[in-house]
Amino acid sequence: MVRRTGSEPELKKLRERIQQWRASRRGRGMPPELWADAAAAARRLGVSYVATALGLGYAPLKARASGGPSSGAAKSTAFVEVSGAQLLTPSAAAAVRIEVVAHGEARLTITLPAASGLDVAALVNAFVRA
């Protein structure tokens, strides 16, 4: 269990800083230094306790406390361009993968070229009935 005794003065000061920011609303979101202090307190005292004490949302605080995507860390973004022709026209290397699990344990995995003439439905039906 987390010991919260002695944390009241720390949270009171942080709550006052957040209230001052809310009163002035400089910028769009809460400043990173306030989030960092709240996240550090949440790691020590618990997310729910700190979120309630500071009047912050549980989910955003939890994400920042755990170092998740909202933690303010640098985010890398990438863009991959795919033309519609690549998606609509099957290539010679295109394959279809089918996986069937029957009776909770038996597993059948089939990887076929896209233009295969195999009757997959009959094969799966025979597998499931076996």
C-alpha atoms as a PDB file:
ATOM      1  CA  MET A   1       0.000   0.000   0.000  1.00  0.00           C
ATOM      2  CA  VAL A   2       1.218   3.510  -0.825  1.00  0.00           C
ATOM      3  CA  ARG A   3       1.909   5.768   2.112  1.00  0.00           C
ATOM      4  CA  ARG A   4       0.184   9.079   1.510  1.00  0.00           C
ATOM      5  CA  THR A   5       0.918  10.738   4.834  1.00  0.00           C
ATOM      6  CA  GLY A   6       2.872  13.928   4.397  1.00  0.00           C
ATOM      7  CA  SER A   7       1.777  14.297   0.771  1.00  0.00           C
ATOM      8  CA  GLU A   8      -0.931  16.866   1.492  1.00  0.00           C
ATOM      9  CA  PRO A   9       1.372  19.951   1.484  1.00  0.00           C
ATOM     10  CA  GLU A  10       2.997  18.821  -1.789  1.00  0.00           C
ATOM     11  CA  LEU A  11      -0.379  18.230  -3.468  1.00  0.00           C
ATOM     12  CA  LYS A  12      -1.789  21.459  -2.052  1.00  0.00           C
ATOM     13  CA  LYS A  13       1.034  23.471  -3.639  1.00  0.00           C
ATOM     14  CA  LEU A  14       0.626  21.663  -6.948  1.00  0.00           C
ATOM     15  CA  ARG A  15      -3.162  22.114  -6.844  1.00  0.00           C
ATOM     16  CA  GLU A  16      -2.661  25.855  -6.258  1.00  0.00           C
ATOM     17  CA  ARG A  17      -0.295  26.067  -9.251  1.00  0.00           C
ATOM     18  CA  ILE A  18      -2.846  24.264 -11.432  1.00  0.00           C
ATOM     19  CA  GLN A  19      -5.631  26.555 -10.220  1.00  0.00           C
ATOM     20  CA  GLN A  20      -3.488  29.607 -11.009  1.00  0.00           C
ATOM     21  CA  TRP A  21      -2.892  28.252 -14.510  1.00  0.00           C
ATOM     22  CA  ARG A  22      -6.614  27.553 -14.954  1.00  0.00           C
ATOM     23  CA  ALA A  23      -7.449  31.110 -13.881  1.00  0.00           C
ATOM     24  CA  SER A  24      -5.064  32.602 -16.436  1.00  0.00           C
ATOM     25  CA  ARG A  25      -5.337  29.925 -19.195  1.00  0.00           C
ATOM     26  CA  ARG A  26      -2.139  30.893 -20.950  1.00  0.00           C
ATOM     27  CA  GLY A  27      -1.930  28.578 -23.916  1.00  0.00           C
ATOM     28  CA  ARG A  28      -4.124  25.715 -24.969  1.00  0.00           C
ATOM     29  CA  GLY A  29      -3.193  22.825 -22.720  1.00  0.00           C
ATOM     30  CA  MET A  30      -1.774  22.521 -19.266  1.00  0.00           C
ATOM     31  CA  PRO A  31       1.950  23.316 -19.283  1.00  0.00           C
ATOM     32  CA  PRO A  32       4.299  20.308 -19.496  1.00  0.00           C
ATOM     33  CA  GLU A  33       5.960  21.149 -16.176  1.00  0.00           C
ATOM     34  CA  LEU A  34       2.602  20.904 -14.355  1.00  0.00           C
ATOM     35  CA  TRP A  35       1.864  17.569 -16.056  1.00  0.00           C
ATOM     36  CA  ALA A  36       5.345  16.319 -15.161  1.00  0.00           C
ATOM     37  CA  ASP A  37       4.880  17.230 -11.502  1.00  0.00           C
ATOM     38  CA  ALA A  38       1.411  15.651 -11.428  1.00  0.00           C
ATOM     39  CA  ALA A  39       2.728  12.488 -13.114  1.00  0.00           C
ATOM     40  CA  ALA A  40       5.591  12.219 -10.631  1.00  0.00           C
ATOM     41  CA  ALA A  41       3.138  12.555  -7.737  1.00  0.00           C
ATOM     42  CA  ALA A  42       0.853   9.943  -9.335  1.00  0.00           C
ATOM     43  CA  ARG A  43       3.728   7.469  -9.619  1.00  0.00           C
ATOM     44  CA  ARG A  44       4.430   7.896  -5.897  1.00  0.00           C
ATOM     45  CA  LEU A  45       0.906   8.226  -4.503  1.00  0.00           C
ATOM     46  CA  GLY A  46      -1.383   6.564  -7.026  1.00  0.00           C
ATOM     47  CA  VAL A  47      -3.104   7.899 -10.104  1.00  0.00           C
ATOM     48  CA  SER A  48      -6.646   7.943  -8.734  1.00  0.00           C
ATOM     49  CA  TYR A  49      -5.650   9.686  -5.521  1.00  0.00           C
ATOM     50  CA  VAL A  50      -3.649  12.390  -7.306  1.00  0.00           C
ATOM     51  CA  ALA A  51      -6.197  12.892 -10.090  1.00  0.00           C
ATOM     52  CA  THR A  52      -8.928  13.448  -7.511  1.00  0.00           C
ATOM     53  CA  ALA A  53      -6.782  15.714  -5.337  1.00  0.00           C
ATOM     54  CA  LEU A  54      -5.711  17.873  -8.291  1.00  0.00           C
ATOM     55  CA  GLY A  55      -8.959  17.824 -10.261  1.00  0.00           C
ATOM     56  CA  LEU A  56      -7.329  16.170 -13.274  1.00  0.00           C
ATOM     57  CA  GLY A  57      -8.671  13.486 -15.582  1.00  0.00           C
ATOM     58  CA  TYR A  58      -7.693   9.954 -14.569  1.00  0.00           C
ATOM     59  CA  ALA A  59      -6.876   8.664 -18.083  1.00  0.00           C
ATOM     60  CA  PRO A  60      -4.577  11.534 -19.178  1.00  0.00           C
ATOM     61  CA  LEU A  61      -2.755  11.454 -15.840  1.00  0.00           C
ATOM     62  CA  LYS A  62      -2.368   7.678 -15.995  1.00  0.00           C
ATOM     63  CA  ALA A  63      -0.937   7.916 -19.519  1.00  0.00           C
ATOM     64  CA  ARG A  64       1.598  10.519 -18.442  1.00  0.00           C
ATOM     65  CA  ALA A  65       2.492   8.687 -15.229  1.00  0.00           C
ATOM     66  CA  SER A  66       3.154   5.475 -17.133  1.00  0.00           C
ATOM     67  CA  GLY A  67       5.117   7.201 -19.869  1.00  0.00           C
ATOM     68  CA  GLY A  68       2.410   6.501 -22.455  1.00  0.00           C
ATOM     69  CA  PRO A  69       1.650   8.401 -25.645  1.00  0.00           C
ATOM     70  CA  SER A  70       0.363  11.470 -23.798  1.00  0.00           C
ATOM     71  CA  SER A  71       3.475  11.745 -21.631  1.00  0.00           C
ATOM     72  CA  GLY A  72       4.838  14.663 -23.614  1.00  0.00           C
ATOM     73  CA  ALA A  73       7.713  12.542 -24.913  1.00  0.00           C
ATOM     74  CA  ALA A  74       8.797  13.086 -28.480  1.00  0.00           C
ATOM     75  CA  LYS A  75       6.486  11.291 -30.836  1.00  0.00           C
ATOM     76  CA  SER A  76       7.734   9.881 -34.091  1.00  0.00           C
ATOM     77  CA  THR A  77       5.327   9.967 -36.942  1.00  0.00           C
ATOM     78  CA  ALA A  78       5.622   8.349 -40.307  1.00  0.00           C
ATOM     79  CA  PHE A  79       3.613   8.540 -43.471  1.00  0.00           C
ATOM     80  CA  VAL A  80       3.320   5.602 -45.804  1.00  0.00           C
ATOM     81  CA  GLU A  81       1.776   6.210 -49.196  1.00  0.00           C
ATOM     82  CA  VAL A  82      -0.095   3.337 -50.802  1.00  0.00           C
ATOM     83  CA  SER A  83      -1.777   3.744 -54.149  1.00  0.00           C
ATOM     84  CA  GLY A  84      -5.256   2.365 -54.719  1.00  0.00           C
ATOM     85  CA  ALA A  85      -3.922   0.246 -57.573  1.00  0.00           C
ATOM     86  CA  GLN A  86      -1.674  -1.628 -55.166  1.00  0.00           C
ATOM     87  CA  LEU A  87      -4.654  -2.469 -52.989  1.00  0.00           C
ATOM     88  CA  LEU A  88      -7.072  -3.403 -55.761  1.00  0.00           C
ATOM     89  CA  THR A  89      -4.830  -5.316 -58.164  1.00  0.00           C
ATOM     90  CA  PRO A  90      -3.505  -8.627 -56.886  1.00  0.00           C
ATOM     91  CA  SER A  91       0.160  -9.096 -57.693  1.00  0.00           C
ATOM     92  CA  ALA A  92       1.879 -12.369 -58.479  1.00  0.00           C
ATOM     93  CA  ALA A  93       3.253 -12.444 -54.930  1.00  0.00           C
ATOM     94  CA  ALA A  94      -0.116 -11.773 -53.308  1.00  0.00           C
ATOM     95  CA  ALA A  95      -1.221 -14.547 -50.980  1.00  0.00           C
ATOM     96  CA  VAL A  96      -4.206 -15.393 -48.866  1.00  0.00           C
ATOM     97  CA  ARG A  97      -3.743 -16.712 -45.340  1.00  0.00           C
ATOM     98  CA  ILE A  98      -6.579 -18.559 -43.630  1.00  0.00           C
ATOM     99  CA  GLU A  99      -6.436 -19.735 -40.046  1.00  0.00           C
ATOM    100  CA  VAL A 100      -9.126 -21.912 -38.496  1.00  0.00           C
ATOM    101  CA  VAL A 101      -9.266 -23.058 -34.877  1.00  0.00           C
ATOM    102  CA  ALA A 102     -11.621 -25.934 -34.173  1.00  0.00           C
ATOM    103  CA  HIS A 103     -12.647 -27.348 -30.826  1.00  0.00           C
ATOM    104  CA  GLY A 104     -10.397 -24.930 -28.992  1.00  0.00           C
ATOM    105  CA  GLU A 105      -7.149 -26.757 -29.795  1.00  0.00           C
ATOM    106  CA  ALA A 106      -6.875 -27.975 -33.374  1.00  0.00           C
ATOM    107  CA  ARG A 107      -5.498 -25.337 -35.710  1.00  0.00           C
ATOM    108  CA  LEU A 108      -5.339 -25.244 -39.509  1.00  0.00           C
ATOM    109  CA  THR A 109      -3.340 -22.529 -41.271  1.00  0.00           C
ATOM    110  CA  ILE A 110      -3.362 -22.304 -45.071  1.00  0.00           C
ATOM    111  CA  THR A 111      -1.314 -19.853 -47.116  1.00  0.00           C
ATOM    112  CA  LEU A 112      -2.254 -19.838 -50.797  1.00  0.00           C
ATOM    113  CA  PRO A 113      -1.500 -17.719 -53.830  1.00  0.00           C
ATOM    114  CA  ALA A 114      -4.392 -15.343 -54.492  1.00  0.00           C
ATOM    115  CA  ALA A 115      -5.243 -17.097 -57.762  1.00  0.00           C
ATOM    116  CA  SER A 116      -5.350 -20.615 -56.292  1.00  0.00           C
ATOM    117  CA  GLY A 117      -8.117 -22.897 -57.512  1.00  0.00           C
ATOM    118  CA  LEU A 118      -8.288 -24.875 -54.251  1.00  0.00           C
ATOM    119  CA  ASP A 119     -11.771 -25.298 -52.764  1.00  0.00           C
ATOM    120  CA  VAL A 120     -10.961 -23.702 -49.403  1.00  0.00           C
ATOM    121  CA  ALA A 121     -14.537 -23.948 -48.129  1.00  0.00           C
ATOM    122  CA  ALA A 122     -14.574 -27.739 -48.592  1.00  0.00           C
ATOM    123  CA  LEU A 123     -11.180 -28.071 -46.914  1.00  0.00           C
ATOM    124  CA  VAL A 124     -12.230 -25.995 -43.891  1.00  0.00           C
ATOM    125  CA  ASN A 125     -15.527 -27.870 -43.657  1.00  0.00           C
ATOM    126  CA  ALA A 126     -13.707 -31.227 -43.611  1.00  0.00           C
ATOM    127  CA  PHE A 127     -11.299 -29.925 -40.959  1.00  0.00           C
ATOM    128  CA  VAL A 128     -14.052 -28.665 -38.671  1.00  0.00           C
ATOM    129  CA  ARG A 129     -16.026 -31.921 -38.918  1.00  0.00           C
ATOM    130  CA  ALA A 130     -12.986 -34.101 -38.165  1.00  0.00           C
END
